[in-house]
Amino acid sequence: MSATKIYHFSPEGIYYTLNSVQEGIKEVSSGGFLWINYFNPAKEELNILVEKIGIHPLSIEDCLDNSQVPKIEHFHDNSFILMNSYNYFNKNLYIDEVDFFIGKNYLISVSGINSEGRTPLNDVEKLISRESGKAKQGPAFLLHSILDYVVDEKFKAIEALEDELENAEDLVIENPATFDPAELMRLRKNLVTLRKSLFNER
């Protein structure tokens, strides 16, 4: 299910929700900046950004294409950042794309596309409400807070995978007869997936 939250951070440091991108553009014309947080948006929703905000149409296509690798692209009025988020669940590493557009007076975050119900930025709005003093300083500060959240979630997944590797090593040494060799293939698959993502993000 698609969900979009639009916030206006006023010059006085107050932030509040809005009902549409058009309303947000009107509000930001008097100062402050916008945060548009998309979850699993349809192509039509993102295409509005091309006309209303000046986002490059190829960047919109990248948001919808789950075969893209992490990257940063700079345009005249904004920068496009494509990152990966990690989730380790039921002994499998899942990697989902999170996208950001940052301009002088806006930040746009896009997540949940092709994520099979996973919510990469699930708690980020709660985080921003707790750290609103930092976020209110501008789009770059807001982006920094969200990226911190994404990286923290990465470490949680990596640590879970590390614990499982250590347990597998202990089992092989202490009781090799009970170790399932298929576990090696599963662990190897997770490590290869992790390596590919980190190679491009590096």
N, C-alpha and C. Protein backbone atom coordinates (compact mmCIF):
# COMPACT_ATOMS: atom_id res chain seq x y z
N MET A 1 0.84 -1.19 0.00
CA MET A 1 0.00 0.00 0.00
C MET A 1 0.88 1.25 0.00
N SER A 2 0.54 2.18 -0.85
CA SER A 2 1.28 3.44 -0.93
C SER A 2 0.93 4.35 0.24
N ALA A 3 1.93 5.09 0.70
CA ALA A 3 1.70 6.07 1.77
C ALA A 3 2.67 7.21 1.59
N THR A 4 2.20 8.41 1.76
CA THR A 4 3.04 9.60 1.61
C THR A 4 2.78 10.54 2.78
N LYS A 5 3.86 11.03 3.38
CA LYS A 5 3.76 12.04 4.43
C LYS A 5 4.53 13.27 3.95
N ILE A 6 3.90 14.44 4.07
CA ILE A 6 4.51 15.68 3.63
C ILE A 6 4.59 16.63 4.83
N TYR A 7 5.78 17.12 5.08
CA TYR A 7 5.99 18.02 6.23
C TYR A 7 6.59 19.34 5.75
N HIS A 8 6.14 20.42 6.36
CA HIS A 8 6.76 21.72 6.15
C HIS A 8 7.47 22.13 7.44
N PHE A 9 8.78 22.38 7.33
CA PHE A 9 9.55 22.91 8.44
C PHE A 9 9.62 24.42 8.24
N SER A 10 8.97 25.16 9.11
CA SER A 10 8.87 26.61 8.95
C SER A 10 10.17 27.29 9.36
N PRO A 11 10.40 28.55 8.94
CA PRO A 11 11.60 29.28 9.36
C PRO A 11 11.70 29.44 10.88
N GLU A 12 10.56 29.37 11.57
CA GLU A 12 10.56 29.50 13.03
C GLU A 12 10.89 28.20 13.74
N GLY A 13 11.08 27.12 12.97
CA GLY A 13 11.44 25.84 13.59
C GLY A 13 10.26 24.95 13.92
N ILE A 14 9.09 25.30 13.43
CA ILE A 14 7.90 24.48 13.65
C ILE A 14 7.70 23.59 12.42
N TYR A 15 7.34 22.31 12.64
CA TYR A 15 7.04 21.48 11.48
C TYR A 15 5.67 20.83 11.65
N TYR A 16 4.99 20.69 10.51
CA TYR A 16 3.62 20.20 10.53
C TYR A 16 3.32 19.52 9.20
N THR A 17 2.28 18.68 9.20
CA THR A 17 1.94 17.90 8.02
C THR A 17 1.09 18.71 7.05
N LEU A 18 1.23 18.34 5.76
CA LEU A 18 0.44 18.94 4.70
C LEU A 18 -0.29 17.84 3.93
N ASN A 19 -1.20 18.25 3.07
CA ASN A 19 -2.04 17.28 2.38
C ASN A 19 -1.57 16.92 0.97
N SER A 20 -0.73 17.75 0.37
CA SER A 20 -0.34 17.49 -1.02
C SER A 20 0.98 18.17 -1.34
N VAL A 21 1.60 17.70 -2.41
CA VAL A 21 2.84 18.33 -2.88
C VAL A 21 2.58 19.77 -3.27
N GLN A 22 1.46 20.01 -3.93
CA GLN A 22 1.11 21.36 -4.36
C GLN A 22 0.99 22.31 -3.16
N GLU A 23 0.37 21.83 -2.09
CA GLU A 23 0.25 22.64 -0.88
C GLU A 23 1.63 22.89 -0.28
N GLY A 24 2.48 21.88 -0.34
CA GLY A 24 3.83 22.03 0.19
C GLY A 24 4.63 23.07 -0.56
N ILE A 25 4.53 23.08 -1.89
CA ILE A 25 5.23 24.07 -2.70
C ILE A 25 4.77 25.48 -2.35
N LYS A 26 3.48 25.63 -2.12
CA LYS A 26 2.93 26.94 -1.75
C LYS A 26 3.48 27.38 -0.39
N GLU A 27 3.52 26.46 0.57
CA GLU A 27 3.99 26.80 1.91
C GLU A 27 5.47 27.17 1.90
N VAL A 28 6.27 26.42 1.15
CA VAL A 28 7.72 26.64 1.18
C VAL A 28 8.10 27.93 0.46
N SER A 29 7.20 28.47 -0.34
CA SER A 29 7.51 29.72 -1.04
C SER A 29 7.68 30.88 -0.06
N SER A 30 7.15 30.73 1.15
CA SER A 30 7.30 31.77 2.16
C SER A 30 8.43 31.47 3.14
N GLY A 31 9.19 30.41 2.87
CA GLY A 31 10.34 30.09 3.71
C GLY A 31 10.29 28.67 4.25
N GLY A 32 11.39 28.27 4.87
CA GLY A 32 11.47 26.93 5.42
C GLY A 32 11.78 25.91 4.35
N PHE A 33 11.49 24.65 4.64
CA PHE A 33 11.74 23.59 3.65
C PHE A 33 10.74 22.46 3.81
N LEU A 34 10.68 21.63 2.79
CA LEU A 34 9.75 20.50 2.75
C LEU A 34 10.48 19.18 2.97
N TRP A 35 9.80 18.24 3.62
CA TRP A 35 10.22 16.84 3.62
C TRP A 35 9.04 16.03 3.10
N ILE A 36 9.24 15.39 1.96
CA ILE A 36 8.23 14.50 1.39
C ILE A 36 8.75 13.08 1.56
N ASN A 37 8.03 12.29 2.34
CA ASN A 37 8.47 10.93 2.66
C ASN A 37 7.51 9.93 2.01
N TYR A 38 7.95 9.34 0.90
CA TYR A 38 7.13 8.37 0.16
C TYR A 38 7.42 6.95 0.64
N PHE A 39 6.37 6.16 0.77
CA PHE A 39 6.52 4.72 0.97
C PHE A 39 5.74 3.98 -0.12
N ASN A 40 6.45 3.20 -0.89
CA ASN A 40 5.86 2.40 -1.97
C ASN A 40 4.96 3.22 -2.89
N PRO A 41 5.46 4.34 -3.40
CA PRO A 41 4.61 5.19 -4.25
C PRO A 41 4.42 4.59 -5.65
N ALA A 42 3.33 4.94 -6.26
CA ALA A 42 3.11 4.58 -7.66
C ALA A 42 3.93 5.52 -8.55
N LYS A 43 4.17 5.09 -9.76
CA LYS A 43 4.95 5.90 -10.70
C LYS A 43 4.30 7.26 -10.90
N GLU A 44 2.98 7.30 -10.95
CA GLU A 44 2.27 8.55 -11.17
C GLU A 44 2.54 9.56 -10.04
N GLU A 45 2.66 9.05 -8.82
CA GLU A 45 2.94 9.94 -7.69
C GLU A 45 4.31 10.58 -7.82
N LEU A 46 5.29 9.78 -8.21
CA LEU A 46 6.65 10.31 -8.35
C LEU A 46 6.79 11.22 -9.56
N ASN A 47 6.04 10.93 -10.60
CA ASN A 47 6.13 11.76 -11.81
C ASN A 47 5.72 13.21 -11.55
N ILE A 48 4.89 13.43 -10.53
CA ILE A 48 4.51 14.80 -10.16
C ILE A 48 5.75 15.62 -9.84
N LEU A 49 6.78 14.97 -9.29
CA LEU A 49 7.99 15.68 -8.87
C LEU A 49 8.76 16.24 -10.05
N VAL A 50 8.61 15.64 -11.21
CA VAL A 50 9.32 16.12 -12.40
C VAL A 50 8.85 17.52 -12.76
N GLU A 51 7.54 17.69 -12.82
CA GLU A 51 6.97 18.99 -13.21
C GLU A 51 6.99 20.00 -12.06
N LYS A 52 6.63 19.56 -10.86
CA LYS A 52 6.43 20.49 -9.75
C LYS A 52 7.73 20.92 -9.07
N ILE A 53 8.73 20.02 -9.03
CA ILE A 53 9.95 20.32 -8.29
C ILE A 53 11.19 20.32 -9.18
N GLY A 54 11.09 19.69 -10.33
CA GLY A 54 12.23 19.69 -11.24
C GLY A 54 13.14 18.49 -11.09
N ILE A 55 12.62 17.39 -10.54
CA ILE A 55 13.40 16.17 -10.43
C ILE A 55 13.59 15.57 -11.82
N HIS A 56 14.81 15.06 -12.09
CA HIS A 56 15.09 14.50 -13.41
C HIS A 56 14.29 13.22 -13.62
N PRO A 57 13.64 13.06 -14.77
CA PRO A 57 12.81 11.86 -15.00
C PRO A 57 13.59 10.56 -14.93
N LEU A 58 14.89 10.58 -15.29
CA LEU A 58 15.67 9.34 -15.20
C LEU A 58 15.90 8.92 -13.76
N SER A 59 15.95 9.90 -12.86
CA SER A 59 16.08 9.56 -11.44
C SER A 59 14.80 8.91 -10.91
N ILE A 60 13.67 9.36 -11.43
CA ILE A 60 12.40 8.72 -11.07
C ILE A 60 12.41 7.27 -11.53
N GLU A 61 12.90 7.04 -12.74
CA GLU A 61 12.99 5.67 -13.25
C GLU A 61 13.90 4.82 -12.37
N ASP A 62 15.00 5.41 -11.88
CA ASP A 62 15.91 4.68 -11.01
C ASP A 62 15.23 4.27 -9.70
N CYS A 63 14.35 5.12 -9.20
CA CYS A 63 13.62 4.78 -7.97
C CYS A 63 12.76 3.53 -8.15
N LEU A 64 12.24 3.35 -9.35
CA LEU A 64 11.31 2.27 -9.63
C LEU A 64 12.00 0.99 -10.10
N ASP A 65 13.31 1.08 -10.36
CA ASP A 65 14.07 -0.05 -10.89
C ASP A 65 14.91 -0.65 -9.78
N ASN A 66 14.57 -1.88 -9.34
CA ASN A 66 15.28 -2.47 -8.21
C ASN A 66 16.61 -3.11 -8.59
N SER A 67 17.05 -2.93 -9.83
CA SER A 67 18.35 -3.47 -10.25
C SER A 67 19.46 -2.42 -10.18
N GLN A 68 19.15 -1.22 -9.69
CA GLN A 68 20.14 -0.16 -9.61
C GLN A 68 21.11 -0.40 -8.45
N VAL A 69 22.31 0.14 -8.58
CA VAL A 69 23.32 0.02 -7.52
C VAL A 69 23.44 1.36 -6.81
N PRO A 70 23.94 1.37 -5.56
CA PRO A 70 24.11 2.62 -4.83
C PRO A 70 24.95 3.64 -5.60
N LYS A 71 24.52 4.90 -5.56
CA LYS A 71 25.22 5.94 -6.31
C LYS A 71 24.76 7.31 -5.84
N ILE A 72 25.50 8.33 -6.26
CA ILE A 72 25.11 9.73 -6.06
C ILE A 72 25.21 10.42 -7.41
N GLU A 73 24.17 11.14 -7.79
CA GLU A 73 24.19 11.91 -9.03
C GLU A 73 23.81 13.35 -8.72
N HIS A 74 24.58 14.29 -9.25
CA HIS A 74 24.35 15.71 -9.00
C HIS A 74 23.73 16.36 -10.23
N PHE A 75 22.65 17.09 -9.99
CA PHE A 75 21.98 17.85 -11.05
C PHE A 75 22.06 19.34 -10.71
N HIS A 76 21.50 20.16 -11.57
CA HIS A 76 21.63 21.60 -11.39
C HIS A 76 21.01 22.08 -10.08
N ASP A 77 19.82 21.59 -9.75
CA ASP A 77 19.10 22.09 -8.57
C ASP A 77 18.99 21.08 -7.44
N ASN A 78 19.49 19.86 -7.64
CA ASN A 78 19.35 18.85 -6.59
C ASN A 78 20.37 17.74 -6.78
N SER A 79 20.47 16.90 -5.79
CA SER A 79 21.30 15.69 -5.87
C SER A 79 20.42 14.48 -5.59
N PHE A 80 20.73 13.39 -6.27
CA PHE A 80 19.99 12.13 -6.12
C PHE A 80 20.93 11.12 -5.46
N ILE A 81 20.47 10.53 -4.37
CA ILE A 81 21.26 9.55 -3.62
C ILE A 81 20.48 8.24 -3.56
N LEU A 82 21.12 7.17 -4.01
CA LEU A 82 20.52 5.84 -3.96
C LEU A 82 21.36 5.00 -3.00
N MET A 83 20.72 4.52 -1.94
CA MET A 83 21.39 3.70 -0.94
C MET A 83 20.65 2.38 -0.76
N ASN A 84 21.27 1.48 -0.02
CA ASN A 84 20.62 0.23 0.36
C ASN A 84 20.36 0.20 1.85
N SER A 85 19.27 -0.42 2.22
CA SER A 85 19.00 -0.71 3.63
C SER A 85 19.02 -2.23 3.80
N TYR A 86 19.36 -2.67 5.02
CA TYR A 86 19.47 -4.10 5.28
C TYR A 86 18.45 -4.53 6.33
N ASN A 87 17.98 -5.76 6.17
CA ASN A 87 17.12 -6.38 7.17
C ASN A 87 17.46 -7.86 7.22
N TYR A 88 17.80 -8.34 8.40
CA TYR A 88 18.13 -9.76 8.56
C TYR A 88 16.97 -10.43 9.29
N PHE A 89 16.28 -11.31 8.57
CA PHE A 89 15.05 -11.89 9.08
C PHE A 89 14.95 -13.34 8.64
N ASN A 90 14.61 -14.24 9.59
CA ASN A 90 14.49 -15.67 9.29
C ASN A 90 15.73 -16.21 8.58
N LYS A 91 16.90 -15.79 9.07
CA LYS A 91 18.19 -16.26 8.57
C LYS A 91 18.48 -15.86 7.13
N ASN A 92 17.84 -14.82 6.68
CA ASN A 92 18.10 -14.31 5.33
C ASN A 92 18.35 -12.81 5.39
N LEU A 93 19.30 -12.36 4.57
CA LEU A 93 19.61 -10.94 4.46
C LEU A 93 18.79 -10.35 3.31
N TYR A 94 17.98 -9.35 3.64
CA TYR A 94 17.19 -8.67 2.62
C TYR A 94 17.75 -7.27 2.43
N ILE A 95 17.89 -6.89 1.17
CA ILE A 95 18.42 -5.57 0.84
C ILE A 95 17.35 -4.81 0.05
N ASP A 96 17.01 -3.64 0.56
CA ASP A 96 16.01 -2.80 -0.09
C ASP A 96 16.61 -1.45 -0.44
N GLU A 97 16.11 -0.87 -1.49
CA GLU A 97 16.61 0.43 -1.96
C GLU A 97 15.91 1.57 -1.22
N VAL A 98 16.69 2.57 -0.85
CA VAL A 98 16.13 3.81 -0.33
C VAL A 98 16.73 4.95 -1.15
N ASP A 99 15.90 5.89 -1.55
CA ASP A 99 16.32 6.97 -2.45
C ASP A 99 16.06 8.32 -1.80
N PHE A 100 16.93 9.27 -2.13
CA PHE A 100 16.78 10.62 -1.60
C PHE A 100 17.04 11.65 -2.70
N PHE A 101 16.23 12.70 -2.69
CA PHE A 101 16.47 13.88 -3.51
C PHE A 101 16.62 15.05 -2.55
N ILE A 102 17.74 15.74 -2.64
CA ILE A 102 17.94 16.87 -1.75
C ILE A 102 18.21 18.12 -2.57
N GLY A 103 17.48 19.18 -2.24
CA GLY A 103 17.65 20.48 -2.89
C GLY A 103 17.78 21.56 -1.84
N LYS A 104 17.78 22.79 -2.28
CA LYS A 104 17.97 23.92 -1.37
C LYS A 104 16.90 23.99 -0.29
N ASN A 105 15.66 23.70 -0.65
CA ASN A 105 14.57 23.84 0.32
C ASN A 105 13.66 22.61 0.38
N TYR A 106 14.24 21.44 0.11
CA TYR A 106 13.43 20.22 0.22
C TYR A 106 14.32 18.97 0.37
N LEU A 107 13.72 17.97 0.99
CA LEU A 107 14.28 16.62 1.01
C LEU A 107 13.14 15.67 0.66
N ILE A 108 13.40 14.79 -0.27
CA ILE A 108 12.41 13.78 -0.66
C ILE A 108 13.02 12.41 -0.40
N SER A 109 12.33 11.58 0.35
CA SER A 109 12.79 10.21 0.61
C SER A 109 11.78 9.24 0.01
N VAL A 110 12.32 8.18 -0.60
CA VAL A 110 11.48 7.18 -1.26
C VAL A 110 11.94 5.80 -0.80
N SER A 111 11.02 5.01 -0.27
CA SER A 111 11.36 3.66 0.18
C SER A 111 10.17 2.74 -0.01
N GLY A 112 10.42 1.45 0.13
CA GLY A 112 9.34 0.46 0.10
C GLY A 112 8.97 -0.06 -1.28
N ILE A 113 9.60 0.46 -2.34
CA ILE A 113 9.30 -0.04 -3.69
C ILE A 113 9.97 -1.40 -3.87
N ASN A 114 9.20 -2.38 -4.29
CA ASN A 114 9.69 -3.74 -4.50
C ASN A 114 10.29 -4.35 -3.23
N SER A 115 9.80 -3.93 -2.07
CA SER A 115 10.37 -4.43 -0.81
C SER A 115 9.55 -5.54 -0.16
N GLU A 116 8.52 -6.01 -0.84
CA GLU A 116 7.71 -7.13 -0.37
C GLU A 116 7.16 -6.89 1.04
N GLY A 117 6.75 -5.66 1.28
CA GLY A 117 6.13 -5.33 2.57
C GLY A 117 7.10 -4.84 3.63
N ARG A 118 8.41 -4.96 3.39
CA ARG A 118 9.37 -4.45 4.38
C ARG A 118 9.34 -2.92 4.36
N THR A 119 9.65 -2.33 5.51
CA THR A 119 9.56 -0.88 5.66
C THR A 119 10.92 -0.32 6.09
N PRO A 120 11.79 -0.04 5.14
CA PRO A 120 13.16 0.40 5.47
C PRO A 120 13.25 1.65 6.34
N LEU A 121 12.28 2.57 6.19
CA LEU A 121 12.31 3.80 6.99
C LEU A 121 11.15 3.83 7.98
N ASN A 122 10.83 2.68 8.51
CA ASN A 122 9.62 2.52 9.32
C ASN A 122 9.55 3.47 10.51
N ASP A 123 10.65 3.59 11.25
CA ASP A 123 10.63 4.38 12.48
C ASP A 123 11.29 5.74 12.34
N VAL A 124 11.59 6.13 11.12
CA VAL A 124 12.37 7.35 10.95
C VAL A 124 11.59 8.60 11.34
N GLU A 125 10.29 8.60 11.16
CA GLU A 125 9.50 9.77 11.54
C GLU A 125 9.49 9.96 13.06
N LYS A 126 9.46 8.85 13.81
CA LYS A 126 9.57 8.95 15.27
C LYS A 126 10.93 9.50 15.66
N LEU A 127 11.96 9.05 14.95
CA LEU A 127 13.31 9.55 15.22
C LEU A 127 13.39 11.05 14.99
N ILE A 128 12.80 11.52 13.90
CA ILE A 128 12.85 12.95 13.59
C ILE A 128 12.10 13.76 14.64
N SER A 129 11.00 13.22 15.13
CA SER A 129 10.25 13.94 16.17
C SER A 129 11.07 14.06 17.45
N ARG A 130 11.92 13.06 17.73
CA ARG A 130 12.78 13.12 18.92
C ARG A 130 13.97 14.05 18.71
N GLU A 131 14.44 14.13 17.44
CA GLU A 131 15.62 14.94 17.14
C GLU A 131 15.24 16.15 16.28
N SER A 132 14.08 16.70 16.54
CA SER A 132 13.57 17.76 15.67
C SER A 132 14.45 19.00 15.68
N GLY A 133 15.14 19.25 16.78
CA GLY A 133 16.01 20.41 16.83
C GLY A 133 17.09 20.37 15.78
N LYS A 134 17.67 19.20 15.57
CA LYS A 134 18.69 19.04 14.54
C LYS A 134 18.07 19.09 13.15
N ALA A 135 16.97 18.36 12.97
CA ALA A 135 16.34 18.26 11.66
C ALA A 135 15.86 19.62 11.16
N LYS A 136 15.43 20.50 12.07
CA LYS A 136 14.88 21.79 11.68
C LYS A 136 15.92 22.74 11.08
N GLN A 137 17.19 22.37 11.20
CA GLN A 137 18.25 23.25 10.70
C GLN A 137 18.36 23.26 9.17
N GLY A 138 17.70 22.33 8.51
CA GLY A 138 17.71 22.34 7.05
C GLY A 138 17.68 20.94 6.46
N PRO A 139 17.47 20.84 5.16
CA PRO A 139 17.38 19.53 4.51
C PRO A 139 18.62 18.66 4.71
N ALA A 140 19.82 19.27 4.71
CA ALA A 140 21.05 18.48 4.87
C ALA A 140 21.11 17.84 6.26
N PHE A 141 20.68 18.58 7.29
CA PHE A 141 20.68 18.03 8.64
C PHE A 141 19.64 16.92 8.77
N LEU A 142 18.48 17.12 8.14
CA LEU A 142 17.45 16.10 8.14
C LEU A 142 17.95 14.84 7.44
N LEU A 143 18.59 15.00 6.30
CA LEU A 143 19.14 13.86 5.56
C LEU A 143 20.17 13.13 6.41
N HIS A 144 21.01 13.88 7.11
CA HIS A 144 22.03 13.26 7.95
C HIS A 144 21.38 12.38 9.01
N SER A 145 20.30 12.84 9.62
CA SER A 145 19.61 12.06 10.65
C SER A 145 19.03 10.77 10.06
N ILE A 146 18.45 10.87 8.86
CA ILE A 146 17.86 9.68 8.24
C ILE A 146 18.94 8.70 7.83
N LEU A 147 20.06 9.19 7.27
CA LEU A 147 21.15 8.30 6.89
C LEU A 147 21.75 7.61 8.11
N ASP A 148 21.83 8.32 9.22
CA ASP A 148 22.29 7.71 10.47
C ASP A 148 21.40 6.52 10.83
N TYR A 149 20.10 6.71 10.69
CA TYR A 149 19.15 5.65 10.99
C TYR A 149 19.37 4.44 10.07
N VAL A 150 19.54 4.71 8.77
CA VAL A 150 19.74 3.62 7.81
C VAL A 150 21.01 2.85 8.13
N VAL A 151 22.09 3.56 8.46
CA VAL A 151 23.36 2.91 8.77
C VAL A 151 23.25 2.10 10.07
N ASP A 152 22.55 2.63 11.07
CA ASP A 152 22.35 1.87 12.30
C ASP A 152 21.63 0.56 12.04
N GLU A 153 20.62 0.59 11.18
CA GLU A 153 19.90 -0.62 10.83
C GLU A 153 20.79 -1.60 10.07
N LYS A 154 21.70 -1.07 9.27
CA LYS A 154 22.67 -1.93 8.57
C LYS A 154 23.52 -2.70 9.57
N PHE A 155 24.02 -2.00 10.59
CA PHE A 155 24.87 -2.63 11.58
C PHE A 155 24.12 -3.73 12.33
N LYS A 156 22.85 -3.51 12.61
CA LYS A 156 22.05 -4.53 13.29
C LYS A 156 22.00 -5.81 12.45
N ALA A 157 21.78 -5.66 11.14
CA ALA A 157 21.71 -6.82 10.26
C ALA A 157 23.07 -7.51 10.15
N ILE A 158 24.13 -6.71 10.02
CA ILE A 158 25.47 -7.28 9.90
C ILE A 158 25.86 -8.02 11.18
N GLU A 159 25.52 -7.46 12.33
CA GLU A 159 25.83 -8.11 13.61
C GLU A 159 25.06 -9.42 13.75
N ALA A 160 23.80 -9.45 13.29
CA ALA A 160 23.03 -10.69 13.34
C ALA A 160 23.65 -11.76 12.46
N LEU A 161 24.12 -11.36 11.28
CA LEU A 161 24.78 -12.30 10.38
C LEU A 161 26.10 -12.77 10.98
N GLU A 162 26.83 -11.86 11.62
CA GLU A 162 28.10 -12.22 12.26
C GLU A 162 27.88 -13.23 13.38
N ASP A 163 26.84 -13.03 14.18
CA ASP A 163 26.53 -13.98 15.26
C ASP A 163 26.23 -15.36 14.69
N GLU A 164 25.51 -15.39 13.59
CA GLU A 164 25.17 -16.68 13.01
C GLU A 164 26.40 -17.39 12.44
N LEU A 165 27.30 -16.63 11.86
CA LEU A 165 28.54 -17.22 11.36
C LEU A 165 29.37 -17.81 12.51
N GLU A 166 29.44 -17.10 13.61
CA GLU A 166 30.20 -17.60 14.77
C GLU A 166 29.57 -18.87 15.32
N ASN A 167 28.24 -18.91 15.36
CA ASN A 167 27.56 -20.11 15.84
C ASN A 167 27.82 -21.29 14.92
N ALA A 168 27.84 -21.04 13.61
CA ALA A 168 28.11 -22.11 12.65
C ALA A 168 29.54 -22.63 12.81
N GLU A 169 30.49 -21.70 13.02
CA GLU A 169 31.89 -22.11 13.23
C GLU A 169 32.02 -22.97 14.48
N ASP A 170 31.35 -22.57 15.56
CA ASP A 170 31.41 -23.34 16.81
C ASP A 170 30.84 -24.74 16.62
N LEU A 171 29.74 -24.82 15.88
CA LEU A 171 29.09 -26.12 15.67
C LEU A 171 29.97 -27.03 14.83
N VAL A 172 30.62 -26.50 13.82
CA VAL A 172 31.49 -27.30 12.96
C VAL A 172 32.65 -27.87 13.78
N ILE A 173 33.18 -27.06 14.70
CA ILE A 173 34.33 -27.50 15.50
C ILE A 173 33.90 -28.48 16.60
N GLU A 174 32.79 -28.17 17.27
CA GLU A 174 32.41 -28.94 18.44
C GLU A 174 31.63 -30.21 18.10
N ASN A 175 30.79 -30.14 17.07
CA ASN A 175 29.95 -31.29 16.74
C ASN A 175 29.69 -31.33 15.24
N PRO A 176 30.71 -31.62 14.45
CA PRO A 176 30.57 -31.56 12.98
C PRO A 176 29.52 -32.51 12.41
N ALA A 177 29.22 -33.58 13.12
CA ALA A 177 28.26 -34.56 12.60
C ALA A 177 26.85 -33.97 12.51
N THR A 178 26.56 -32.97 13.33
CA THR A 178 25.21 -32.40 13.33
C THR A 178 25.09 -31.17 12.44
N PHE A 179 26.20 -30.76 11.85
CA PHE A 179 26.17 -29.55 11.03
C PHE A 179 25.61 -29.86 9.64
N ASP A 180 24.67 -29.06 9.21
CA ASP A 180 24.05 -29.23 7.89
C ASP A 180 24.86 -28.45 6.85
N PRO A 181 25.50 -29.13 5.89
CA PRO A 181 26.30 -28.42 4.87
C PRO A 181 25.50 -27.40 4.07
N ALA A 182 24.18 -27.58 4.00
CA ALA A 182 23.35 -26.61 3.27
C ALA A 182 23.42 -25.23 3.92
N GLU A 183 23.73 -25.21 5.23
CA GLU A 183 23.87 -23.94 5.92
C GLU A 183 25.01 -23.11 5.33
N LEU A 184 26.07 -23.80 4.87
CA LEU A 184 27.19 -23.09 4.26
C LEU A 184 26.75 -22.34 3.02
N MET A 185 25.88 -22.97 2.21
CA MET A 185 25.40 -22.32 1.00
C MET A 185 24.54 -21.10 1.33
N ARG A 186 23.70 -21.23 2.34
CA ARG A 186 22.86 -20.11 2.74
C ARG A 186 23.71 -18.95 3.27
N LEU A 187 24.67 -19.26 4.13
CA LEU A 187 25.54 -18.23 4.67
C LEU A 187 26.37 -17.58 3.58
N ARG A 188 26.84 -18.39 2.64
CA ARG A 188 27.63 -17.84 1.53
C ARG A 188 26.78 -16.90 0.68
N LYS A 189 25.54 -17.28 0.43
CA LYS A 189 24.64 -16.42 -0.36
C LYS A 189 24.45 -15.07 0.33
N ASN A 190 24.23 -15.09 1.65
CA ASN A 190 24.06 -13.83 2.38
C ASN A 190 25.31 -12.97 2.33
N LEU A 191 26.48 -13.60 2.44
CA LEU A 191 27.73 -12.85 2.42
C LEU A 191 28.01 -12.25 1.05
N VAL A 192 27.70 -12.99 0.00
CA VAL A 192 27.89 -12.47 -1.37
C VAL A 192 26.96 -11.28 -1.60
N THR A 193 25.71 -11.39 -1.16
CA THR A 193 24.75 -10.29 -1.29
C THR A 193 25.26 -9.05 -0.55
N LEU A 194 25.77 -9.26 0.66
CA LEU A 194 26.30 -8.16 1.46
C LEU A 194 27.51 -7.52 0.77
N ARG A 195 28.39 -8.35 0.26
CA ARG A 195 29.61 -7.83 -0.39
C ARG A 195 29.28 -6.98 -1.61
N LYS A 196 28.32 -7.43 -2.42
CA LYS A 196 27.95 -6.67 -3.61
C LYS A 196 27.43 -5.28 -3.24
N SER A 197 26.59 -5.23 -2.21
CA SER A 197 26.03 -3.96 -1.80
C SER A 197 27.11 -3.03 -1.26
N LEU A 198 27.94 -3.54 -0.37
CA LEU A 198 28.96 -2.70 0.26
C LEU A 198 30.01 -2.24 -0.75
N PHE A 199 30.29 -3.06 -1.75
CA PHE A 199 31.28 -2.69 -2.77
C PHE A 199 30.85 -1.42 -3.49
N ASN A 200 29.58 -1.36 -3.85
CA ASN A 200 29.09 -0.17 -4.57
C ASN A 200 28.92 1.03 -3.64
N GLU A 201 28.50 0.80 -2.42
CA GLU A 201 28.34 1.92 -1.49
C GLU A 201 29.67 2.52 -1.09
N ARG A 202 30.71 1.70 -1.07
CA ARG A 202 32.03 2.19 -0.71
C ARG A 202 32.50 3.27 -1.66
